[in-house]
Amino acid sequence: MDLTVLNDDCLYHILSKLSVRELIKAELVCKKFYEIIQKVYRGRHLLDFDEEYKTHPQHKLLKAEMMVIISKVGKHIDTLVASKNCLQIDCYKNINELLSPKFYGATRNLKELSIVGFNMNDSALDRNFFVRIFSKLKTVKLEDCIFLYDSVLSKCIQEATDLENIDVCSNDLNGESLQFLRDIKKLNYTYNSVLMNEFIVKFCENNKATLKSLHINTTDGENTLIWLKEIVKNLRSLEDLTLFVYISYGESEETIKEIEDSLTTLGDLPYLTSFSIYLDDDAVNINISVLLMKLLHRNMLESLDIYYENEDEETTWKKEAAEIVTKFNNLRVLKYSLEDFTDDHLQKISSKDSLVIADFIKLNISMKTTTDFINQCPNLQEISVPNVSLDDLQERPKSLEIFVAASKGPNINDGKRILLNQKNIFLNYNDFY
């Protein structure tokens, strides 16, 4: 078919589906293509180098190709995403290969930046230049960036007058930069090994009027108590809270009890609609059932995620928690990993009509119960389960992704995704689980 006979609107719609990598080649087809592609470039507000790489996964992006792409769409984009996996450059040696002066000049409207896996040490990073880039951003994600120091991050934050959302998970930060954050809406500070208590207090005081989403990890009993007390005291506007609770081995019974009491007060947060808690091995004796009962009484939760690392430890509160979870009737997201959750609990879940995402893949639930549960959830779009009977799944009104550790039905290889004919169901199998 000769595409040049199509009108400009049709061609624009078709060409806008292509990556910038592909558009650069398509420019050469004819003058009409070239002119329409310039309009496509002007409509691009997101540049995702990971997606650009996926169009030709056998060839990582070279520095020269990367700069050509930026020259085409840089002045139009407000969001940039890049990870070390998509670029041919040696990210562990020189992040300036990406964040170069030419990059800064071509992306003056940039408001969101997501960088994953880069080296941020002194030899790889021009600090002054990075501060200039950072200063105009509203949303920043710096994940798993080795040698990202608090001194650099603190300087950036002090210059970023419009910053609203920041994600610095999986870095080796001590929390110093927290004290300079003011009036932000969202913070992800998880998987950082050391968080000094004095900085936590200043952060909570400086952001009490604006913070809506907080994802953090604690480091020991004292640190856990500081976070919990400051959250309840100052962060009353929170809507989304994720806690990774780590405490020291052999923590005293008094400290455990104090942590339980402080956790329970989270149920008093007036706007909380999304709550996630992850308990490590040493947090085995922390009872969260009273907190869950308080959240149930308020009946405002739309998302609940409970994960416990030690699957073999038996505690009475797990059975109480499982029973309470079944009574929430307005959940859109439910993820649960405590092994005391049985077939009977799954059958009694009250949020079947509202659930959109569910994860029970670590639970010991029968195939029949799992399959019946899926059939009873009309709005479910994604679920992870230990097993499922494919033949007994009913046709879905909406598309459903199932992530499964085992299945009764057609043989599929690890990591594959298949569409179950005429059922609107996609099955993903991984023996990782």
Protein backbone atom coordinates (compact mmCIF):
# COMPACT_ATOMS: atom_id res chain seq x y z
CA MET A 1 0.00 0.00 0.00
CA ASP A 2 1.25 3.48 -0.91
CA LEU A 3 0.95 5.46 2.36
CA THR A 4 1.59 8.77 0.61
CA VAL A 5 -1.96 8.72 -0.81
CA LEU A 6 -3.38 9.02 2.72
CA ASN A 7 -4.36 12.45 4.00
CA ASP A 8 -2.15 14.25 6.51
CA ASP A 9 -4.31 13.40 9.54
CA CYS A 10 -4.14 9.67 8.82
CA LEU A 11 -0.40 9.79 8.24
CA TYR A 12 0.12 11.76 11.44
CA HIS A 13 -1.83 9.15 13.39
CA ILE A 14 0.21 6.29 11.90
CA LEU A 15 3.61 7.95 12.24
CA SER A 16 2.96 9.06 15.81
CA LYS A 17 3.03 5.38 16.80
CA LEU A 18 6.71 5.10 15.85
CA SER A 19 9.69 5.65 18.13
CA VAL A 20 12.00 8.60 17.48
CA ARG A 21 14.59 6.09 16.30
CA GLU A 22 12.16 4.93 13.63
CA LEU A 23 10.94 8.41 12.77
CA ILE A 24 14.48 9.57 11.98
CA LYS A 25 14.66 6.88 9.29
CA ALA A 26 11.12 7.57 8.07
CA GLU A 27 12.01 11.24 7.48
CA LEU A 28 14.02 10.11 4.45
CA VAL A 29 11.08 8.50 2.63
CA CYS A 30 9.75 11.67 1.02
CA LYS A 31 9.08 15.37 1.61
CA LYS A 32 5.51 14.71 2.78
CA PHE A 33 6.73 12.26 5.42
CA TYR A 34 9.41 14.71 6.52
CA GLU A 35 6.94 17.57 7.04
CA ILE A 36 4.44 15.44 8.97
CA ILE A 37 7.16 13.93 11.16
CA GLN A 38 8.22 17.43 12.23
CA LYS A 39 4.67 17.85 13.56
CA VAL A 40 4.96 14.48 15.31
CA TYR A 41 8.15 15.67 17.00
CA ARG A 42 6.37 18.80 18.25
CA GLY A 43 3.72 16.60 19.83
CA ARG A 44 6.24 14.50 21.76
CA HIS A 45 6.39 15.40 25.44
CA LEU A 46 8.00 12.19 26.70
CA LEU A 47 11.38 10.81 25.66
CA ASP A 48 11.95 7.34 27.09
CA PHE A 49 15.32 5.95 26.04
CA ASP A 50 14.32 2.55 27.42
CA GLU A 51 11.41 2.42 24.96
CA GLU A 52 13.65 3.68 22.14
CA TYR A 53 16.01 0.81 22.88
CA LYS A 54 13.17 -1.74 22.75
CA THR A 55 12.45 -0.89 19.10
CA HIS A 56 15.90 -2.32 18.21
CA PRO A 57 16.97 -4.31 21.29
CA GLN A 58 19.92 -5.85 19.49
CA HIS A 59 21.57 -2.42 19.32
CA LYS A 60 21.96 -0.24 22.39
CA LEU A 61 21.87 3.49 21.85
CA LEU A 62 25.23 5.04 21.01
CA LYS A 63 26.11 8.51 22.25
CA ALA A 64 25.87 9.99 18.75
CA GLU A 65 22.45 8.42 18.13
CA MET A 66 21.25 9.57 21.53
CA MET A 67 22.23 13.18 20.79
CA VAL A 68 20.48 13.07 17.38
CA ILE A 69 17.30 11.92 19.11
CA ILE A 70 17.59 14.74 21.65
CA SER A 71 18.15 17.28 18.87
CA LYS A 72 14.91 16.15 17.20
CA VAL A 73 12.54 16.20 20.18
CA GLY A 74 14.49 17.73 23.09
CA LYS A 75 12.94 21.18 22.92
CA HIS A 76 9.43 19.68 22.95
CA ILE A 77 9.73 17.14 25.78
CA ASP A 78 8.93 17.77 29.43
CA THR A 79 9.83 14.24 30.61
CA LEU A 80 13.01 12.19 30.10
CA VAL A 81 13.57 8.57 31.17
CA ALA A 82 16.91 6.73 30.90
CA SER A 83 18.57 3.70 32.47
CA LYS A 84 22.05 2.31 32.06
CA ASN A 85 20.65 -0.80 30.34
CA CYS A 86 19.54 1.02 27.18
CA LEU A 87 22.68 3.01 26.42
CA GLN A 88 25.93 1.86 24.90
CA ILE A 89 27.91 4.49 26.82
CA ASP A 90 29.76 3.37 29.93
CA CYS A 91 27.36 4.79 32.49
CA TYR A 92 29.49 3.60 35.36
CA LYS A 93 32.23 5.97 34.26
CA ASN A 94 30.57 9.09 32.90
CA ILE A 95 26.99 10.24 33.39
CA ASN A 96 27.97 13.41 31.56
CA GLU A 97 27.68 11.36 28.39
CA LEU A 98 23.94 11.75 28.94
CA LEU A 99 23.63 15.02 30.88
CA SER A 100 25.90 17.12 28.67
CA PRO A 101 25.76 20.89 28.00
CA LYS A 102 24.27 20.08 24.58
CA PHE A 103 21.57 18.08 26.37
CA TYR A 104 20.79 21.02 28.67
CA GLY A 105 20.50 23.44 25.77
CA ALA A 106 18.14 21.13 23.87
CA THR A 107 15.80 20.35 26.78
CA ARG A 108 14.92 23.69 28.31
CA ASN A 109 11.30 22.68 28.95
CA LEU A 110 12.23 19.57 30.92
CA LYS A 111 10.19 19.16 34.12
CA GLU A 112 10.55 15.45 34.89
CA LEU A 113 13.77 13.40 34.93
CA SER A 114 14.15 9.69 35.68
CA ILE A 115 17.66 8.20 35.85
CA VAL A 116 18.34 4.60 36.90
CA GLY A 117 21.69 2.92 37.50
CA PHE A 118 24.15 5.70 36.69
CA ASN A 119 27.40 6.55 38.43
CA MET A 120 27.25 9.91 40.21
CA ASN A 121 30.77 10.15 41.65
CA ASP A 122 32.99 13.20 41.27
CA SER A 123 34.84 11.89 38.21
CA ALA A 124 31.59 11.10 36.40
CA LEU A 125 29.46 14.07 37.38
CA ASP A 126 29.83 17.78 36.80
CA ARG A 127 28.13 18.91 40.02
CA ASN A 128 27.46 22.51 39.00
CA PHE A 129 25.96 21.46 35.71
CA PHE A 130 23.80 18.79 37.36
CA VAL A 131 22.49 21.40 39.81
CA ARG A 132 21.47 23.58 36.83
CA ILE A 133 19.47 20.71 35.33
CA PHE A 134 17.94 19.83 38.68
CA SER A 135 16.93 23.40 39.48
CA LYS A 136 14.08 23.54 36.93
CA LEU A 137 12.57 20.11 37.65
CA LYS A 138 9.25 19.30 39.31
CA THR A 139 9.69 15.52 39.43
CA VAL A 140 12.99 13.65 39.92
CA LYS A 141 13.80 9.95 40.10
CA LEU A 142 17.39 8.94 40.88
CA GLU A 143 17.27 5.19 41.50
CA ASP A 144 20.18 2.87 42.23
CA CYS A 145 22.72 5.56 41.31
CA ILE A 146 26.01 4.58 42.88
CA PHE A 147 28.00 7.31 44.65
CA LEU A 148 25.01 9.63 44.85
CA TYR A 149 26.07 11.58 47.92
CA ASP A 150 23.87 13.62 50.23
CA SER A 151 26.09 16.65 49.69
CA VAL A 152 25.31 16.65 45.95
CA LEU A 153 21.62 15.93 46.44
CA SER A 154 21.32 18.59 49.13
CA LYS A 155 22.79 21.24 46.84
CA CYS A 156 20.40 20.23 44.05
CA ILE A 157 17.37 20.34 46.32
CA GLN A 158 18.24 23.80 47.63
CA GLU A 159 18.31 25.13 44.06
CA ALA A 160 15.13 23.33 42.91
CA THR A 161 12.42 25.87 43.66
CA ASP A 162 9.63 23.97 41.83
CA LEU A 163 10.38 20.45 43.10
CA GLU A 164 7.21 18.52 44.04
CA ASN A 165 8.06 14.81 43.71
CA ILE A 166 11.36 13.07 44.45
CA ASP A 167 12.32 9.39 44.30
CA VAL A 168 15.81 8.47 45.54
CA CYS A 169 15.32 4.80 46.40
CA SER A 170 18.17 2.27 46.44
CA ASN A 171 20.95 4.76 47.09
CA ASP A 172 23.39 4.96 49.99
CA LEU A 173 22.04 8.14 51.59
CA ASN A 174 22.09 9.13 55.26
CA GLY A 175 19.12 11.48 55.16
CA GLU A 176 20.96 14.81 55.25
CA SER A 177 19.21 15.94 52.07
CA LEU A 178 15.80 15.38 53.70
CA GLN A 179 16.09 18.54 55.79
CA PHE A 180 16.22 20.72 52.67
CA LEU A 181 12.99 19.39 51.14
CA ARG A 182 10.14 21.86 51.54
CA ASP A 183 6.53 21.78 50.42
CA ILE A 184 6.87 18.63 48.34
CA LYS A 185 3.98 16.28 47.53
CA LYS A 186 5.70 12.91 47.16
CA LEU A 187 8.85 11.29 48.56
CA ASN A 188 10.27 7.81 47.97
CA TYR A 189 13.27 7.31 50.26
CA THR A 190 13.26 3.50 50.48
CA TYR A 191 16.26 1.16 50.51
CA ASN A 192 18.66 3.69 51.98
CA SER A 193 20.74 2.06 54.69
CA VAL A 194 21.14 4.96 57.16
CA LEU A 195 18.61 7.63 58.09
CA MET A 196 19.63 10.05 60.84
CA ASN A 197 16.77 10.91 63.18
CA GLU A 198 17.44 14.66 63.34
CA PHE A 199 16.88 15.00 59.59
CA ILE A 200 13.61 13.04 59.75
CA VAL A 201 12.16 15.52 62.24
CA LYS A 202 13.09 18.52 60.08
CA PHE A 203 11.67 16.91 56.95
CA CYS A 204 8.31 16.19 58.59
CA GLU A 205 8.07 19.73 59.98
CA ASN A 206 8.93 21.32 56.61
CA ASN A 207 6.40 19.31 54.57
CA LYS A 208 3.43 18.86 56.88
CA ALA A 209 1.07 20.99 54.78
CA THR A 210 1.79 19.46 51.36
CA LEU A 211 3.03 15.86 51.54
CA LYS A 212 0.54 13.38 50.05
CA SER A 213 2.69 10.30 49.43
CA LEU A 214 5.54 8.91 51.56
CA HIS A 215 7.56 5.72 50.96
CA ILE A 216 10.34 5.15 53.49
CA ASN A 217 12.31 2.44 55.28
CA THR A 218 13.31 2.43 58.92
CA THR A 219 16.68 1.18 60.17
CA ASP A 220 16.14 0.13 63.80
CA GLY A 221 13.66 0.37 66.66
CA GLU A 222 14.47 3.97 67.59
CA ASN A 223 14.40 5.09 63.97
CA THR A 224 11.05 3.35 63.46
CA LEU A 225 9.55 5.18 66.44
CA ILE A 226 10.86 8.55 65.25
CA TRP A 227 9.25 8.10 61.83
CA LEU A 228 5.92 6.89 63.21
CA LYS A 229 5.62 9.66 65.77
CA GLU A 230 6.57 12.39 63.28
CA ILE A 231 4.18 11.03 60.62
CA VAL A 232 1.22 11.12 62.99
CA LYS A 233 2.24 14.47 64.49
CA ASN A 234 3.02 16.42 61.32
CA LEU A 235 2.06 14.55 58.13
CA ARG A 236 -1.71 14.60 58.57
CA SER A 237 -2.35 15.16 54.84
CA LEU A 238 -0.89 11.80 53.79
CA GLU A 239 -3.00 9.80 51.35
CA ASP A 240 -0.42 7.14 50.44
CA LEU A 241 2.01 5.57 52.95
CA THR A 242 4.53 2.76 52.44
CA LEU A 243 6.67 1.54 55.36
CA PHE A 244 9.57 -0.91 55.19
CA VAL A 245 10.01 -1.72 58.88
CA TYR A 246 13.46 -2.89 59.91
CA ILE A 247 14.44 -3.28 63.56
CA SER A 248 17.55 -4.59 65.30
CA TYR A 249 17.88 -8.24 66.30
CA GLY A 250 16.94 -8.74 69.94
CA GLU A 251 14.97 -5.51 70.25
CA SER A 252 13.41 -5.22 73.72
CA GLU A 253 9.78 -6.13 74.40
CA GLU A 254 9.18 -2.55 75.55
CA THR A 255 10.36 -1.17 72.21
CA ILE A 256 8.26 -3.71 70.28
CA LYS A 257 5.17 -2.71 72.26
CA GLU A 258 5.88 0.97 71.71
CA ILE A 259 6.23 0.38 67.95
CA GLU A 260 2.91 -1.51 67.91
CA ASP A 261 1.17 1.35 69.71
CA SER A 262 2.71 3.91 67.35
CA LEU A 263 1.72 1.88 64.29
CA THR A 264 -1.86 1.81 65.55
CA THR A 265 -1.98 5.61 65.57
CA LEU A 266 -1.51 5.58 61.78
CA GLY A 267 -5.16 4.63 61.65
CA ASP A 268 -5.92 8.22 62.75
CA LEU A 269 -4.54 9.76 59.53
CA PRO A 270 -7.71 11.33 58.12
CA TYR A 271 -6.98 11.08 54.38
CA LEU A 272 -5.09 7.78 54.14
CA THR A 273 -6.43 5.67 51.25
CA SER A 274 -3.34 3.60 50.35
CA PHE A 275 -1.25 1.70 52.90
CA SER A 276 1.65 -0.74 52.43
CA ILE A 277 3.78 -2.32 55.14
CA TYR A 278 6.76 -4.67 54.79
CA LEU A 279 8.08 -6.39 57.91
CA ASP A 280 11.56 -7.91 58.06
CA ASP A 281 12.60 -11.08 59.95
CA ASP A 282 13.35 -9.24 63.18
CA ALA A 283 9.92 -7.57 63.16
CA VAL A 284 8.21 -10.94 63.72
CA ASN A 285 6.60 -9.92 67.01
CA ILE A 286 5.13 -6.63 65.78
CA ASN A 287 1.36 -7.08 65.79
CA ILE A 288 -0.38 -5.04 63.08
CA SER A 289 -3.87 -6.51 63.56
CA VAL A 290 -4.98 -3.62 65.80
CA LEU A 291 -3.88 -1.13 63.14
CA LEU A 292 -5.79 -3.09 60.48
CA MET A 293 -8.91 -3.09 62.64
CA LYS A 294 -8.66 0.67 63.00
CA LEU A 295 -8.25 1.12 59.25
CA LEU A 296 -11.20 -1.19 58.68
CA HIS A 297 -13.35 0.87 61.03
CA ARG A 298 -12.56 4.04 59.03
CA ASN A 299 -13.29 2.14 55.77
CA MET A 300 -11.38 4.57 53.52
CA LEU A 301 -8.66 2.27 52.18
CA GLU A 302 -8.56 1.62 48.45
CA SER A 303 -5.15 -0.07 48.43
CA LEU A 304 -3.64 -2.47 50.99
CA ASP A 305 -0.31 -4.29 50.70
CA ILE A 306 1.08 -6.46 53.51
CA TYR A 307 4.36 -8.31 53.08
CA TYR A 308 6.24 -10.31 55.67
CA GLU A 309 9.72 -11.73 54.97
CA ASN A 310 9.71 -14.68 57.37
CA GLU A 311 7.17 -17.17 56.02
CA ASP A 312 7.82 -19.89 58.62
CA GLU A 313 7.33 -17.90 61.80
CA GLU A 314 4.00 -18.65 63.50
CA THR A 315 2.29 -15.79 65.34
CA THR A 316 -1.33 -15.45 66.46
CA TRP A 317 -1.71 -11.95 65.02
CA LYS A 318 -1.33 -13.27 61.47
CA LYS A 319 -4.59 -15.21 61.77
CA GLU A 320 -6.31 -12.16 63.19
CA ALA A 321 -4.93 -9.99 60.38
CA ALA A 322 -6.10 -12.43 57.70
CA GLU A 323 -9.64 -12.34 59.04
CA ILE A 324 -9.68 -8.55 59.20
CA VAL A 325 -8.41 -8.17 55.62
CA THR A 326 -11.37 -10.13 54.25
CA LYS A 327 -13.76 -7.48 55.64
CA PHE A 328 -12.46 -4.47 53.68
CA ASN A 329 -15.16 -3.86 51.07
CA ASN A 330 -13.79 -1.03 48.91
CA LEU A 331 -10.28 -2.15 47.98
CA ARG A 332 -9.08 -1.65 44.42
CA VAL A 333 -5.64 -3.11 45.21
CA LEU A 334 -4.96 -5.99 47.60
CA LYS A 335 -1.55 -7.65 47.99
CA TYR A 336 -1.06 -10.12 50.81
CA SER A 337 1.78 -12.52 51.65
CA LEU A 338 1.13 -13.83 55.18
CA GLU A 339 0.78 -17.61 54.96
CA ASP A 340 -2.14 -17.81 57.40
CA PHE A 341 -4.37 -16.56 54.59
CA THR A 342 -6.29 -19.69 53.53
CA ASP A 343 -8.82 -20.78 50.92
CA ASP A 344 -11.57 -19.80 53.34
CA HIS A 345 -10.20 -16.28 53.66
CA LEU A 346 -9.96 -15.84 49.89
CA GLN A 347 -13.58 -16.92 49.49
CA LYS A 348 -14.71 -14.40 52.13
CA ILE A 349 -13.01 -11.32 50.63
CA SER A 350 -15.56 -8.51 50.55
CA SER A 351 -13.86 -6.41 47.85
CA LYS A 352 -14.49 -8.78 44.93
CA ASP A 353 -16.57 -6.23 43.01
CA SER A 354 -14.06 -3.39 43.39
CA LEU A 355 -10.70 -5.20 43.04
CA VAL A 356 -8.56 -4.18 40.05
CA ILE A 357 -5.15 -5.54 41.14
CA ALA A 358 -4.48 -8.49 43.48
CA ASP A 359 -1.38 -10.44 44.51
CA PHE A 360 -1.59 -13.74 46.42
CA ILE A 361 1.26 -15.56 44.70
CA LYS A 362 3.08 -16.47 47.94
CA LEU A 363 0.00 -18.03 49.53
CA ASN A 364 -0.85 -21.72 49.75
CA ILE A 365 -4.27 -21.60 48.07
CA SER A 366 -5.90 -24.36 46.04
CA MET A 367 -6.26 -24.09 42.29
CA LYS A 368 -10.06 -24.34 42.42
CA THR A 369 -10.40 -21.55 45.00
CA THR A 370 -8.06 -19.30 43.02
CA THR A 371 -9.95 -19.90 39.78
CA ASP A 372 -13.37 -19.33 41.41
CA PHE A 373 -12.09 -16.11 42.97
CA ILE A 374 -10.93 -14.74 39.60
CA ASN A 375 -14.31 -15.55 38.06
CA GLN A 376 -16.06 -13.65 40.88
CA CYS A 377 -14.07 -10.40 40.35
CA PRO A 378 -15.57 -8.64 37.32
CA ASN A 379 -13.26 -5.59 37.38
CA LEU A 380 -10.00 -7.43 37.96
CA GLN A 381 -7.25 -6.38 35.51
CA GLU A 382 -4.13 -7.94 37.07
CA ILE A 383 -3.62 -10.78 39.54
CA SER A 384 -0.68 -12.88 40.76
CA VAL A 385 -1.57 -16.33 42.08
CA PRO A 386 0.22 -19.59 42.95
CA ASN A 387 -1.92 -21.64 40.54
CA VAL A 388 -4.96 -21.49 38.27
CA SER A 389 -7.10 -23.80 36.13
CA LEU A 390 -7.11 -22.26 32.67
CA ASP A 391 -9.99 -24.34 31.34
CA ASP A 392 -12.30 -23.15 34.13
CA LEU A 393 -11.63 -19.43 33.69
CA GLN A 394 -14.62 -17.57 32.30
CA GLU A 395 -14.53 -15.00 29.50
CA ARG A 396 -13.71 -11.54 30.84
CA PRO A 397 -15.55 -8.27 30.19
CA LYS A 398 -12.17 -6.50 30.50
CA SER A 399 -8.65 -7.59 29.67
CA LEU A 400 -6.98 -9.51 32.52
CA GLU A 401 -3.29 -10.22 33.12
CA ILE A 402 -2.61 -13.31 35.24
CA PHE A 403 0.86 -13.90 36.69
CA VAL A 404 1.05 -17.49 37.82
CA ALA A 405 3.59 -19.87 39.34
CA ALA A 406 1.81 -22.99 38.06
CA SER A 407 -1.11 -23.71 35.76
CA LYS A 408 -3.41 -26.50 34.70
CA GLY A 409 -3.75 -26.17 30.95
CA PRO A 410 -1.46 -25.62 27.93
CA ASN A 411 2.26 -26.00 28.42
CA ILE A 412 4.10 -22.68 28.35
CA ASN A 413 7.74 -21.89 28.88
CA ASP A 414 9.15 -19.79 31.70
CA GLY A 415 8.82 -16.08 31.01
CA LYS A 416 6.28 -16.45 28.20
CA ARG A 417 3.00 -14.55 27.85
CA ILE A 418 0.06 -16.13 26.05
CA LEU A 419 -3.46 -15.04 25.19
CA LEU A 420 -6.19 -17.49 26.15
CA ASN A 421 -8.42 -17.61 23.09
CA GLN A 422 -11.80 -15.88 23.31
CA LYS A 423 -11.43 -15.20 27.04
CA ASN A 424 -9.66 -11.81 26.98
CA ILE A 425 -7.07 -13.23 29.40
CA PHE A 426 -3.29 -12.99 29.16
CA LEU A 427 -1.27 -15.55 31.10
CA ASN A 428 2.29 -14.89 32.30
CA TYR A 429 4.27 -17.76 33.78
CA ASN A 430 7.48 -17.53 35.75
CA ASP A 431 8.98 -20.34 37.81
CA PHE A 432 10.86 -17.60 39.73
CA TYR A 433 8.04 -17.82 42.24
